[in-house]
Amino acid sequence: MDQDQRRARIFNMRKARPIPHIPTTPAPATVYFIESRPAPSQPWQQASGVQSSWESKDKALERLAARREMQPGWEHRLMERITTVTERPATDA
């Protein structure tokens, strides 16, 4: 059996038994953002600005340090938002 015949045989086997679809679940996406408040008795609020969230934790930590320098009397914290996507067959309803 030559190489072309082997390829044709493998191709025909795959047509008879297709490779099953394996659903892939993407990795959770993490975004970092800053929350601030003027005093411990006040609620935390997401910081406003031109860009208020970052995918890079290093960049977010840089911006947190800058915000702490700009507003030393306020409390600031780094928050993360993790988004997970789930794929599944829909129900027949």
C-alpha atoms as a PDB file:
ATOM      1  CA  MET A   1       0.000   0.000   0.000  1.00  0.00           C
ATOM      2  CA  ASP A   2       1.550   3.293  -1.039  1.00  0.00           C
ATOM      3  CA  GLN A   3       1.325   6.596   0.836  1.00  0.00           C
ATOM      4  CA  ASP A   4      -1.620   7.952  -1.200  1.00  0.00           C
ATOM      5  CA  GLN A   5      -3.638   4.805  -0.504  1.00  0.00           C
ATOM      6  CA  ARG A   6      -2.904   5.099   3.235  1.00  0.00           C
ATOM      7  CA  ARG A   7      -4.031   8.728   3.242  1.00  0.00           C
ATOM      8  CA  ALA A   8      -7.241   7.829   1.399  1.00  0.00           C
ATOM      9  CA  ARG A   9      -7.911   5.002   3.855  1.00  0.00           C
ATOM     10  CA  ILE A  10      -7.406   7.288   6.876  1.00  0.00           C
ATOM     11  CA  PHE A  11      -9.590   9.965   5.275  1.00  0.00           C
ATOM     12  CA  ASN A  12     -12.381   7.423   4.631  1.00  0.00           C
ATOM     13  CA  MET A  13     -12.130   6.128   8.213  1.00  0.00           C
ATOM     14  CA  ARG A  14     -12.587   9.662   9.513  1.00  0.00           C
ATOM     15  CA  LYS A  15     -15.639  10.156   7.317  1.00  0.00           C
ATOM     16  CA  ALA A  16     -17.143   6.964   8.734  1.00  0.00           C
ATOM     17  CA  ARG A  17     -16.234   7.891  12.310  1.00  0.00           C
ATOM     18  CA  PRO A  18     -15.937  11.668  12.530  1.00  0.00           C
ATOM     19  CA  ILE A  19     -13.808  13.074  15.304  1.00  0.00           C
ATOM     20  CA  PRO A  20     -16.239  14.184  18.019  1.00  0.00           C
ATOM     21  CA  HIS A  21     -16.548  17.886  18.749  1.00  0.00           C
ATOM     22  CA  ILE A  22     -14.954  18.619  22.079  1.00  0.00           C
ATOM     23  CA  PRO A  23     -16.276  21.880  23.489  1.00  0.00           C
ATOM     24  CA  THR A  24     -13.531  24.195  24.613  1.00  0.00           C
ATOM     25  CA  THR A  25     -13.985  26.364  27.628  1.00  0.00           C
ATOM     26  CA  PRO A  26     -11.995  29.564  27.382  1.00  0.00           C
ATOM     27  CA  ALA A  27      -9.877  30.561  30.345  1.00  0.00           C
ATOM     28  CA  PRO A  28     -11.532  33.023  32.705  1.00  0.00           C
ATOM     29  CA  ALA A  29     -10.839  36.637  31.788  1.00  0.00           C
ATOM     30  CA  THR A  30      -9.533  38.841  34.588  1.00  0.00           C
ATOM     31  CA  VAL A  31      -9.769  42.631  34.582  1.00  0.00           C
ATOM     32  CA  TYR A  32      -8.386  44.862  37.339  1.00  0.00           C
ATOM     33  CA  PHE A  33      -9.853  48.177  38.482  1.00  0.00           C
ATOM     34  CA  ILE A  34      -9.464  50.644  41.345  1.00  0.00           C
ATOM     35  CA  GLU A  35     -12.001  51.530  44.014  1.00  0.00           C
ATOM     36  CA  SER A  36     -11.606  54.581  46.246  1.00  0.00           C
ATOM     37  CA  ARG A  37     -13.290  56.271  49.187  1.00  0.00           C
ATOM     38  CA  PRO A  38     -12.538  59.469  51.126  1.00  0.00           C
ATOM     39  CA  ALA A  39     -13.100  57.958  54.583  1.00  0.00           C
ATOM     40  CA  PRO A  40     -13.740  54.518  56.124  1.00  0.00           C
ATOM     41  CA  SER A  41     -17.381  55.461  56.757  1.00  0.00           C
ATOM     42  CA  GLN A  42     -17.973  56.116  53.036  1.00  0.00           C
ATOM     43  CA  PRO A  43     -18.848  53.438  50.447  1.00  0.00           C
ATOM     44  CA  TRP A  44     -16.247  52.224  47.970  1.00  0.00           C
ATOM     45  CA  GLN A  45     -16.646  53.685  44.480  1.00  0.00           C
ATOM     46  CA  GLN A  46     -15.006  52.667  41.242  1.00  0.00           C
ATOM     47  CA  ALA A  47     -12.483  55.272  40.221  1.00  0.00           C
ATOM     48  CA  SER A  48     -13.391  57.333  37.196  1.00  0.00           C
ATOM     49  CA  GLY A  49     -10.892  58.230  34.540  1.00  0.00           C
ATOM     50  CA  VAL A  50      -9.986  57.847  30.904  1.00  0.00           C
ATOM     51  CA  GLN A  51      -9.243  54.154  31.373  1.00  0.00           C
ATOM     52  CA  SER A  52     -10.606  52.641  34.548  1.00  0.00           C
ATOM     53  CA  SER A  53      -9.728  48.951  34.066  1.00  0.00           C
ATOM     54  CA  TRP A  54      -6.692  46.985  32.927  1.00  0.00           C
ATOM     55  CA  GLU A  55      -5.997  43.404  31.888  1.00  0.00           C
ATOM     56  CA  SER A  56      -2.438  43.593  33.212  1.00  0.00           C
ATOM     57  CA  LYS A  57      -2.067  43.413  36.984  1.00  0.00           C
ATOM     58  CA  ASP A  58       1.324  45.160  36.785  1.00  0.00           C
ATOM     59  CA  LYS A  59      -0.228  48.113  34.934  1.00  0.00           C
ATOM     60  CA  ALA A  60      -3.110  48.245  37.432  1.00  0.00           C
ATOM     61  CA  LEU A  61      -0.655  48.286  40.351  1.00  0.00           C
ATOM     62  CA  GLU A  62       1.208  51.181  38.699  1.00  0.00           C
ATOM     63  CA  ARG A  63      -2.038  53.127  38.375  1.00  0.00           C
ATOM     64  CA  LEU A  64      -2.971  52.293  41.995  1.00  0.00           C
ATOM     65  CA  ALA A  65       0.372  53.704  43.196  1.00  0.00           C
ATOM     66  CA  ALA A  66      -0.189  56.842  41.087  1.00  0.00           C
ATOM     67  CA  ARG A  67      -3.696  57.294  42.486  1.00  0.00           C
ATOM     68  CA  ARG A  68      -2.387  56.931  46.047  1.00  0.00           C
ATOM     69  CA  GLU A  69       0.170  59.682  45.322  1.00  0.00           C
ATOM     70  CA  MET A  70      -2.488  61.975  43.800  1.00  0.00           C
ATOM     71  CA  GLN A  71      -4.983  61.444  46.642  1.00  0.00           C
ATOM     72  CA  PRO A  72      -3.007  60.546  49.790  1.00  0.00           C
ATOM     73  CA  GLY A  73      -5.930  61.287  52.132  1.00  0.00           C
ATOM     74  CA  TRP A  74      -8.195  58.725  50.448  1.00  0.00           C
ATOM     75  CA  GLU A  75      -8.259  54.944  50.715  1.00  0.00           C
ATOM     76  CA  HIS A  76      -7.687  53.017  47.473  1.00  0.00           C
ATOM     77  CA  ARG A  77      -7.816  49.318  46.704  1.00  0.00           C
ATOM     78  CA  LEU A  78      -7.221  47.126  43.691  1.00  0.00           C
ATOM     79  CA  MET A  79     -10.174  44.978  42.658  1.00  0.00           C
ATOM     80  CA  GLU A  80     -10.392  42.175  40.126  1.00  0.00           C
ATOM     81  CA  ARG A  81     -13.346  41.079  38.028  1.00  0.00           C
ATOM     82  CA  ILE A  82     -13.191  37.501  36.752  1.00  0.00           C
ATOM     83  CA  THR A  83     -15.501  36.580  33.885  1.00  0.00           C
ATOM     84  CA  THR A  84     -16.098  32.916  33.076  1.00  0.00           C
ATOM     85  CA  VAL A  85     -17.951  31.693  29.988  1.00  0.00           C
ATOM     86  CA  THR A  86     -19.882  28.430  30.090  1.00  0.00           C
ATOM     87  CA  GLU A  87     -21.016  26.681  26.926  1.00  0.00           C
ATOM     88  CA  ARG A  88     -23.648  23.955  27.020  1.00  0.00           C
ATOM     89  CA  PRO A  89     -26.472  22.622  24.874  1.00  0.00           C
ATOM     90  CA  ALA A  90     -29.672  24.654  25.090  1.00  0.00           C
ATOM     91  CA  THR A  91     -32.724  23.020  26.617  1.00  0.00           C
ATOM     92  CA  ASP A  92     -35.764  22.186  24.463  1.00  0.00           C
ATOM     93  CA  ALA A  93     -38.400  24.400  25.987  1.00  0.00           C
END
